[in-house]
Amino acid sequence: MKTLTLNIPDNLDIDNNEFIISAASKMYEQGKLSLGQAAQLAGLTKRAFAELLGKYNVSIFNAPATDLSSDIANA
């Protein structure tokens, strides 16, 4: 796993945990991390992370519509 060090300006009103959760939410939304990976990055359980996604306007259902069509065809 990579380690990243960031210098966040003092005037940015955000704590470390909130920043990490925000970044994990964005990477989940973009499909770069699975729900489990994003939750692990945020230091939360999958359930707790999934419940926080709404705060960041991220849907837990982030699969593309094309996946739904193939899922139905393969059911």
PDB file of N, CA and C in Angstrom:
ATOM      1  N   MET A   1       0.846  -1.164   0.000  1.00  0.00           N
ATOM      2  CA  MET A   1       0.000   0.000   0.000  1.00  0.00           C
ATOM      3  C   MET A   1       0.902   1.241   0.000  1.00  0.00           C
ATOM      4  N   LYS A   2       0.516   2.254  -0.731  1.00  0.00           N
ATOM      5  CA  LYS A   2       1.259   3.504  -0.794  1.00  0.00           C
ATOM      6  C   LYS A   2       0.944   4.377   0.402  1.00  0.00           C
ATOM      7  N   THR A   3       1.897   5.196   0.769  1.00  0.00           N
ATOM      8  CA  THR A   3       1.697   6.182   1.823  1.00  0.00           C
ATOM      9  C   THR A   3       1.790   7.559   1.195  1.00  0.00           C
ATOM     10  N   LEU A   4       0.864   8.419   1.545  1.00  0.00           N
ATOM     11  CA  LEU A   4       0.799   9.756   0.994  1.00  0.00           C
ATOM     12  C   LEU A   4       0.800  10.760   2.134  1.00  0.00           C
ATOM     13  N   THR A   5       1.643  11.772   2.021  1.00  0.00           N
ATOM     14  CA  THR A   5       1.691  12.841   3.005  1.00  0.00           C
ATOM     15  C   THR A   5       1.235  14.123   2.332  1.00  0.00           C
ATOM     16  N   LEU A   6       0.252  14.794   2.933  1.00  0.00           N
ATOM     17  CA  LEU A   6      -0.282  16.031   2.380  1.00  0.00           C
ATOM     18  C   LEU A   6      -0.105  17.171   3.371  1.00  0.00           C
ATOM     19  N   ASN A   7       0.186  18.329   2.849  1.00  0.00           N
ATOM     20  CA  ASN A   7       0.196  19.545   3.649  1.00  0.00           C
ATOM     21  C   ASN A   7      -1.089  20.300   3.337  1.00  0.00           C
ATOM     22  N   ILE A   8      -1.997  20.300   4.296  1.00  0.00           N
ATOM     23  CA  ILE A   8      -3.295  20.949   4.119  1.00  0.00           C
ATOM     24  C   ILE A   8      -3.227  22.324   4.782  1.00  0.00           C
ATOM     25  N   PRO A   9      -3.616  23.362   4.061  1.00  0.00           N
ATOM     26  CA  PRO A   9      -3.556  24.707   4.650  1.00  0.00           C
ATOM     27  C   PRO A   9      -4.358  24.792   5.946  1.00  0.00           C
ATOM     28  N   ASP A  10      -3.834  25.554   6.905  1.00  0.00           N
ATOM     29  CA  ASP A  10      -4.493  25.708   8.204  1.00  0.00           C
ATOM     30  C   ASP A  10      -5.870  26.343   8.081  1.00  0.00           C
ATOM     31  N   ASN A  11      -6.062  27.178   7.062  1.00  0.00           N
ATOM     32  CA  ASN A  11      -7.349  27.857   6.924  1.00  0.00           C
ATOM     33  C   ASN A  11      -8.431  26.969   6.299  1.00  0.00           C
ATOM     34  N   LEU A  12      -8.064  25.777   5.862  1.00  0.00           N
ATOM     35  CA  LEU A  12      -9.051  24.835   5.339  1.00  0.00           C
ATOM     36  C   LEU A  12      -9.719  24.173   6.535  1.00  0.00           C
ATOM     37  N   ASP A  13     -10.995  24.425   6.693  1.00  0.00           N
ATOM     38  CA  ASP A  13     -11.733  23.933   7.869  1.00  0.00           C
ATOM     39  C   ASP A  13     -12.171  22.487   7.660  1.00  0.00           C
ATOM     40  N   ILE A  14     -11.206  21.562   7.736  1.00  0.00           N
ATOM     41  CA  ILE A  14     -11.496  20.142   7.567  1.00  0.00           C
ATOM     42  C   ILE A  14     -10.481  19.361   8.399  1.00  0.00           C
ATOM     43  N   ASP A  15     -10.961  18.350   9.112  1.00  0.00           N
ATOM     44  CA  ASP A  15     -10.011  17.548   9.884  1.00  0.00           C
ATOM     45  C   ASP A  15      -9.510  16.378   9.032  1.00  0.00           C
ATOM     46  N   ASN A  16      -8.503  15.701   9.519  1.00  0.00           N
ATOM     47  CA  ASN A  16      -7.866  14.625   8.758  1.00  0.00           C
ATOM     48  C   ASN A  16      -8.855  13.532   8.356  1.00  0.00           C
ATOM     49  N   ASN A  17      -9.687  13.092   9.300  1.00  0.00           N
ATOM     50  CA  ASN A  17     -10.630  12.016   9.008  1.00  0.00           C
ATOM     51  C   ASN A  17     -11.638  12.427   7.945  1.00  0.00           C
ATOM     52  N   GLU A  18     -12.139  13.643   8.048  1.00  0.00           N
ATOM     53  CA  GLU A  18     -13.112  14.118   7.066  1.00  0.00           C
ATOM     54  C   GLU A  18     -12.482  14.185   5.675  1.00  0.00           C
ATOM     55  N   PHE A  19     -11.232  14.613   5.607  1.00  0.00           N
ATOM     56  CA  PHE A  19     -10.534  14.685   4.319  1.00  0.00           C
ATOM     57  C   PHE A  19     -10.369  13.295   3.724  1.00  0.00           C
ATOM     58  N   ILE A  20      -9.974  12.334   4.546  1.00  0.00           N
ATOM     59  CA  ILE A  20      -9.771  10.963   4.076  1.00  0.00           C
ATOM     60  C   ILE A  20     -11.084  10.356   3.605  1.00  0.00           C
ATOM     61  N   ILE A  21     -12.160  10.560   4.359  1.00  0.00           N
ATOM     62  CA  ILE A  21     -13.471  10.026   3.967  1.00  0.00           C
ATOM     63  C   ILE A  21     -13.934  10.666   2.668  1.00  0.00           C
ATOM     64  N   SER A  22     -13.717  11.963   2.521  1.00  0.00           N
ATOM     65  CA  SER A  22     -14.086  12.658   1.290  1.00  0.00           C
ATOM     66  C   SER A  22     -13.325  12.088   0.093  1.00  0.00           C
ATOM     67  N   ALA A  23     -12.033  11.869   0.259  1.00  0.00           N
ATOM     68  CA  ALA A  23     -11.217  11.313  -0.827  1.00  0.00           C
ATOM     69  C   ALA A  23     -11.652   9.881  -1.145  1.00  0.00           C
ATOM     70  N   ALA A  24     -11.909   9.085  -0.127  1.00  0.00           N
ATOM     71  CA  ALA A  24     -12.349   7.704  -0.342  1.00  0.00           C
ATOM     72  C   ALA A  24     -13.705   7.681  -1.052  1.00  0.00           C
ATOM     73  N   SER A  25     -14.599   8.582  -0.679  1.00  0.00           N
ATOM     74  CA  SER A  25     -15.915   8.667  -1.327  1.00  0.00           C
ATOM     75  C   SER A  25     -15.781   9.001  -2.804  1.00  0.00           C
ATOM     76  N   LYS A  26     -14.909   9.933  -3.113  1.00  0.00           N
ATOM     77  CA  LYS A  26     -14.706  10.338  -4.507  1.00  0.00           C
ATOM     78  C   LYS A  26     -14.110   9.193  -5.318  1.00  0.00           C
ATOM     79  N   MET A  27     -13.145   8.488  -4.752  1.00  0.00           N
ATOM     80  CA  MET A  27     -12.547   7.362  -5.476  1.00  0.00           C
ATOM     81  C   MET A  27     -13.543   6.222  -5.663  1.00  0.00           C
ATOM     82  N   TYR A  28     -14.425   6.026  -4.673  1.00  0.00           N
ATOM     83  CA  TYR A  28     -15.494   5.031  -4.817  1.00  0.00           C
ATOM     84  C   TYR A  28     -16.452   5.452  -5.922  1.00  0.00           C
ATOM     85  N   GLU A  29     -16.837   6.724  -5.921  1.00  0.00           N
ATOM     86  CA  GLU A  29     -17.759   7.248  -6.934  1.00  0.00           C
ATOM     87  C   GLU A  29     -17.187   7.075  -8.346  1.00  0.00           C
ATOM     88  N   GLN A  30     -15.896   7.258  -8.490  1.00  0.00           N
ATOM     89  CA  GLN A  30     -15.236   7.148  -9.789  1.00  0.00           C
ATOM     90  C   GLN A  30     -14.946   5.697 -10.172  1.00  0.00           C
ATOM     91  N   GLY A  31     -15.229   4.764  -9.274  1.00  0.00           N
ATOM     92  CA  GLY A  31     -15.004   3.353  -9.563  1.00  0.00           C
ATOM     93  C   GLY A  31     -13.557   2.925  -9.408  1.00  0.00           C
ATOM     94  N   LYS A  32     -12.747   3.757  -8.776  1.00  0.00           N
ATOM     95  CA  LYS A  32     -11.335   3.421  -8.579  1.00  0.00           C
ATOM     96  C   LYS A  32     -11.133   2.515  -7.370  1.00  0.00           C
ATOM     97  N   LEU A  33     -12.078   2.543  -6.450  1.00  0.00           N
ATOM     98  CA  LEU A  33     -12.048   1.680  -5.270  1.00  0.00           C
ATOM     99  C   LEU A  33     -13.391   0.982  -5.125  1.00  0.00           C
ATOM    100  N   SER A  34     -13.362  -0.242  -4.634  1.00  0.00           N
ATOM    101  CA  SER A  34     -14.602  -0.929  -4.294  1.00  0.00           C
ATOM    102  C   SER A  34     -15.120  -0.351  -2.981  1.00  0.00           C
ATOM    103  N   LEU A  35     -16.319  -0.725  -2.610  1.00  0.00           N
ATOM    104  CA  LEU A  35     -16.882  -0.253  -1.345  1.00  0.00           C
ATOM    105  C   LEU A  35     -15.990  -0.678  -0.182  1.00  0.00           C
ATOM    106  N   GLY A  36     -15.538  -1.918  -0.195  1.00  0.00           N
ATOM    107  CA  GLY A  36     -14.676  -2.418   0.873  1.00  0.00           C
ATOM    108  C   GLY A  36     -13.341  -1.694   0.936  1.00  0.00           C
ATOM    109  N   GLN A  37     -12.740  -1.448  -0.227  1.00  0.00           N
ATOM    110  CA  GLN A  37     -11.456  -0.741  -0.260  1.00  0.00           C
ATOM    111  C   GLN A  37     -11.608   0.689   0.237  1.00  0.00           C
ATOM    112  N   ALA A  38     -12.664   1.359  -0.190  1.00  0.00           N
ATOM    113  CA  ALA A  38     -12.898   2.739   0.234  1.00  0.00           C
ATOM    114  C   ALA A  38     -13.161   2.797   1.733  1.00  0.00           C
ATOM    115  N   ALA A  39     -13.937   1.850   2.238  1.00  0.00           N
ATOM    116  CA  ALA A  39     -14.211   1.799   3.675  1.00  0.00           C
ATOM    117  C   ALA A  39     -12.927   1.573   4.457  1.00  0.00           C
ATOM    118  N   GLN A  40     -12.080   0.676   3.965  1.00  0.00           N
ATOM    119  CA  GLN A  40     -10.803   0.408   4.636  1.00  0.00           C
ATOM    120  C   GLN A  40      -9.929   1.657   4.645  1.00  0.00           C
ATOM    121  N   LEU A  41      -9.866   2.359   3.519  1.00  0.00           N
ATOM    122  CA  LEU A  41      -9.089   3.586   3.438  1.00  0.00           C
ATOM    123  C   LEU A  41      -9.596   4.614   4.451  1.00  0.00           C
ATOM    124  N   ALA A  42     -10.909   4.686   4.589  1.00  0.00           N
ATOM    125  CA  ALA A  42     -11.524   5.638   5.511  1.00  0.00           C
ATOM    126  C   ALA A  42     -11.455   5.174   6.969  1.00  0.00           C
ATOM    127  N   GLY A  43     -11.042   3.923   7.178  1.00  0.00           N
ATOM    128  CA  GLY A  43     -10.966   3.406   8.548  1.00  0.00           C
ATOM    129  C   GLY A  43     -12.324   3.080   9.126  1.00  0.00           C
ATOM    130  N   LEU A  44     -13.267   2.713   8.260  1.00  0.00           N
ATOM    131  CA  LEU A  44     -14.637   2.426   8.676  1.00  0.00           C
ATOM    132  C   LEU A  44     -15.057   1.040   8.225  1.00  0.00           C
ATOM    133  N   THR A  45     -16.140   0.540   8.803  1.00  0.00           N
ATOM    134  CA  THR A  45     -16.738  -0.683   8.286  1.00  0.00           C
ATOM    135  C   THR A  45     -17.438  -0.351   6.971  1.00  0.00           C
ATOM    136  N   LYS A  46     -17.721  -1.377   6.175  1.00  0.00           N
ATOM    137  CA  LYS A  46     -18.437  -1.124   4.916  1.00  0.00           C
ATOM    138  C   LYS A  46     -19.788  -0.477   5.189  1.00  0.00           C
ATOM    139  N   ARG A  47     -20.475  -0.955   6.200  1.00  0.00           N
ATOM    140  CA  ARG A  47     -21.796  -0.401   6.517  1.00  0.00           C
ATOM    141  C   ARG A  47     -21.698   1.079   6.894  1.00  0.00           C
ATOM    142  N   ALA A  48     -20.752   1.414   7.769  1.00  0.00           N
ATOM    143  CA  ALA A  48     -20.605   2.806   8.203  1.00  0.00           C
ATOM    144  C   ALA A  48     -20.223   3.700   7.022  1.00  0.00           C
ATOM    145  N   PHE A  49     -19.338   3.201   6.171  1.00  0.00           N
ATOM    146  CA  PHE A  49     -18.935   3.992   5.010  1.00  0.00           C
ATOM    147  C   PHE A  49     -20.112   4.178   4.057  1.00  0.00           C
ATOM    148  N   ALA A  50     -20.862   3.114   3.816  1.00  0.00           N
ATOM    149  CA  ALA A  50     -22.024   3.195   2.921  1.00  0.00           C
ATOM    150  C   ALA A  50     -23.036   4.213   3.447  1.00  0.00           C
ATOM    151  N   GLU A  51     -23.216   4.263   4.764  1.00  0.00           N
ATOM    152  CA  GLU A  51     -24.160   5.219   5.345  1.00  0.00           C
ATOM    153  C   GLU A  51     -23.673   6.661   5.195  1.00  0.00           C
ATOM    154  N   LEU A  52     -22.358   6.870   5.141  1.00  0.00           N
ATOM    155  CA  LEU A  52     -21.801   8.222   4.989  1.00  0.00           C
ATOM    156  C   LEU A  52     -21.803   8.719   3.547  1.00  0.00           C
ATOM    157  N   LEU A  53     -21.953   7.825   2.582  1.00  0.00           N
ATOM    158  CA  LEU A  53     -21.877   8.236   1.172  1.00  0.00           C
ATOM    159  C   LEU A  53     -22.895   9.318   0.831  1.00  0.00           C
ATOM    160  N   GLY A  54     -24.076   9.253   1.415  1.00  0.00           N
ATOM    161  CA  GLY A  54     -25.110  10.253   1.147  1.00  0.00           C
ATOM    162  C   GLY A  54     -24.676  11.656   1.530  1.00  0.00           C
ATOM    163  N   LYS A  55     -23.882  11.761   2.594  1.00  0.00           N
ATOM    164  CA  LYS A  55     -23.381  13.065   3.027  1.00  0.00           C
ATOM    165  C   LYS A  55     -22.517  13.713   1.943  1.00  0.00           C
ATOM    166  N   TYR A  56     -21.886  12.880   1.131  1.00  0.00           N
ATOM    167  CA  TYR A  56     -21.010  13.369   0.061  1.00  0.00           C
ATOM    168  C   TYR A  56     -21.686  13.285  -1.312  1.00  0.00           C
ATOM    169  N   ASN A  57     -23.006  13.099  -1.309  1.00  0.00           N
ATOM    170  CA  ASN A  57     -23.806  12.999  -2.539  1.00  0.00           C
ATOM    171  C   ASN A  57     -23.295  11.920  -3.485  1.00  0.00           C
ATOM    172  N   VAL A  58     -22.923  10.786  -2.909  1.00  0.00           N
ATOM    173  CA  VAL A  58     -22.442   9.650  -3.689  1.00  0.00           C
ATOM    174  C   VAL A  58     -23.430   8.509  -3.508  1.00  0.00           C
ATOM    175  N   SER A  59     -23.895   7.949  -4.616  1.00  0.00           N
ATOM    176  CA  SER A  59     -24.814   6.822  -4.552  1.00  0.00           C
ATOM    177  C   SER A  59     -24.039   5.542  -4.267  1.00  0.00           C
ATOM    178  N   ILE A  60     -24.618   4.689  -3.448  1.00  0.00           N
ATOM    179  CA  ILE A  60     -23.981   3.397  -3.182  1.00  0.00           C
ATOM    180  C   ILE A  60     -24.044   2.516  -4.429  1.00  0.00           C
ATOM    181  N   PHE A  61     -24.979   2.807  -5.299  1.00  0.00           N
ATOM    182  CA  PHE A  61     -25.140   2.054  -6.544  1.00  0.00           C
ATOM    183  C   PHE A  61     -24.417   2.802  -7.649  1.00  0.00           C
ATOM    184  N   ASN A  62     -23.133   2.538  -7.795  1.00  0.00           N
ATOM    185  CA  ASN A  62     -22.349   3.302  -8.756  1.00  0.00           C
ATOM    186  C   ASN A  62     -21.954   2.507  -9.992  1.00  0.00           C
ATOM    187  N   ALA A  63     -22.596   1.371 -10.215  1.00  0.00           N
ATOM    188  CA  ALA A  63     -22.289   0.583 -11.408  1.00  0.00           C
ATOM    189  C   ALA A  63     -22.921   1.251 -12.631  1.00  0.00           C
ATOM    190  N   PRO A  64     -22.237   1.214 -13.773  1.00  0.00           N
ATOM    191  CA  PRO A  64     -22.810   1.809 -14.981  1.00  0.00           C
ATOM    192  C   PRO A  64     -24.056   1.056 -15.449  1.00  0.00           C
ATOM    193  N   ALA A  65     -24.918   1.750 -16.163  1.00  0.00           N
ATOM    194  CA  ALA A  65     -26.167   1.156 -16.650  1.00  0.00           C
ATOM    195  C   ALA A  65     -25.896  -0.041 -17.551  1.00  0.00           C
ATOM    196  N   THR A  66     -24.793  -0.034 -18.264  1.00  0.00           N
ATOM    197  CA  THR A  66     -24.469  -1.162 -19.145  1.00  0.00           C
ATOM    198  C   THR A  66     -24.273  -2.439 -18.338  1.00  0.00           C
ATOM    199  N   ASP A  67     -23.768  -2.327 -17.119  1.00  0.00           N
ATOM    200  CA  ASP A  67     -23.621  -3.504 -16.259  1.00  0.00           C
ATOM    201  C   ASP A  67     -24.972  -4.073 -15.887  1.00  0.00           C
ATOM    202  N   LEU A  68     -25.950  -3.221 -15.674  1.00  0.00           N
ATOM    203  CA  LEU A  68     -27.291  -3.674 -15.328  1.00  0.00           C
ATOM    204  C   LEU A  68     -27.876  -4.504 -16.467  1.00  0.00           C
ATOM    205  N   SER A  69     -27.715  -4.037 -17.702  1.00  0.00           N
ATOM    206  CA  SER A  69     -28.222  -4.762 -18.862  1.00  0.00           C
ATOM    207  C   SER A  69     -27.587  -6.142 -18.963  1.00  0.00           C
ATOM    208  N   SER A  70     -26.282  -6.218 -18.771  1.00  0.00           N
ATOM    209  CA  SER A  70     -25.609  -7.520 -18.869  1.00  0.00           C
ATOM    210  C   SER A  70     -25.981  -8.416 -17.687  1.00  0.00           C
ATOM    211  N   ASP A  71     -26.185  -7.829 -16.505  1.00  0.00           N
ATOM    212  CA  ASP A  71     -26.614  -8.601 -15.356  1.00  0.00           C
ATOM    213  C   ASP A  71     -27.985  -9.242 -15.602  1.00  0.00           C
ATOM    214  N   ILE A  72     -28.895  -8.464 -16.175  1.00  0.00           N
ATOM    215  CA  ILE A  72     -30.230  -8.982 -16.468  1.00  0.00           C
ATOM    216  C   ILE A  72     -30.159 -10.077 -17.519  1.00  0.00           C
ATOM    217  N   ALA A  73     -29.349  -9.871 -18.544  1.00  0.00           N
ATOM    218  CA  ALA A  73     -29.202 -10.873 -19.609  1.00  0.00           C
ATOM    219  C   ALA A  73     -28.604 -12.169 -19.080  1.00  0.00           C
ATOM    220  N   ASN A  74     -27.750 -12.064 -18.095  1.00  0.00           N
ATOM    221  CA  ASN A  74     -27.084 -13.257 -17.552  1.00  0.00           C
ATOM    222  C   ASN A  74     -27.816 -13.886 -16.379  1.00  0.00           C
ATOM    223  N   ALA A  75     -28.952 -13.314 -16.004  1.00  0.00           N
ATOM    224  CA  ALA A  75     -29.697 -13.841 -14.848  1.00  0.00           C
ATOM    225  C   ALA A  75     -30.399 -15.138 -15.175  1.00  0.00           C
TER     226      ALA A  75
END
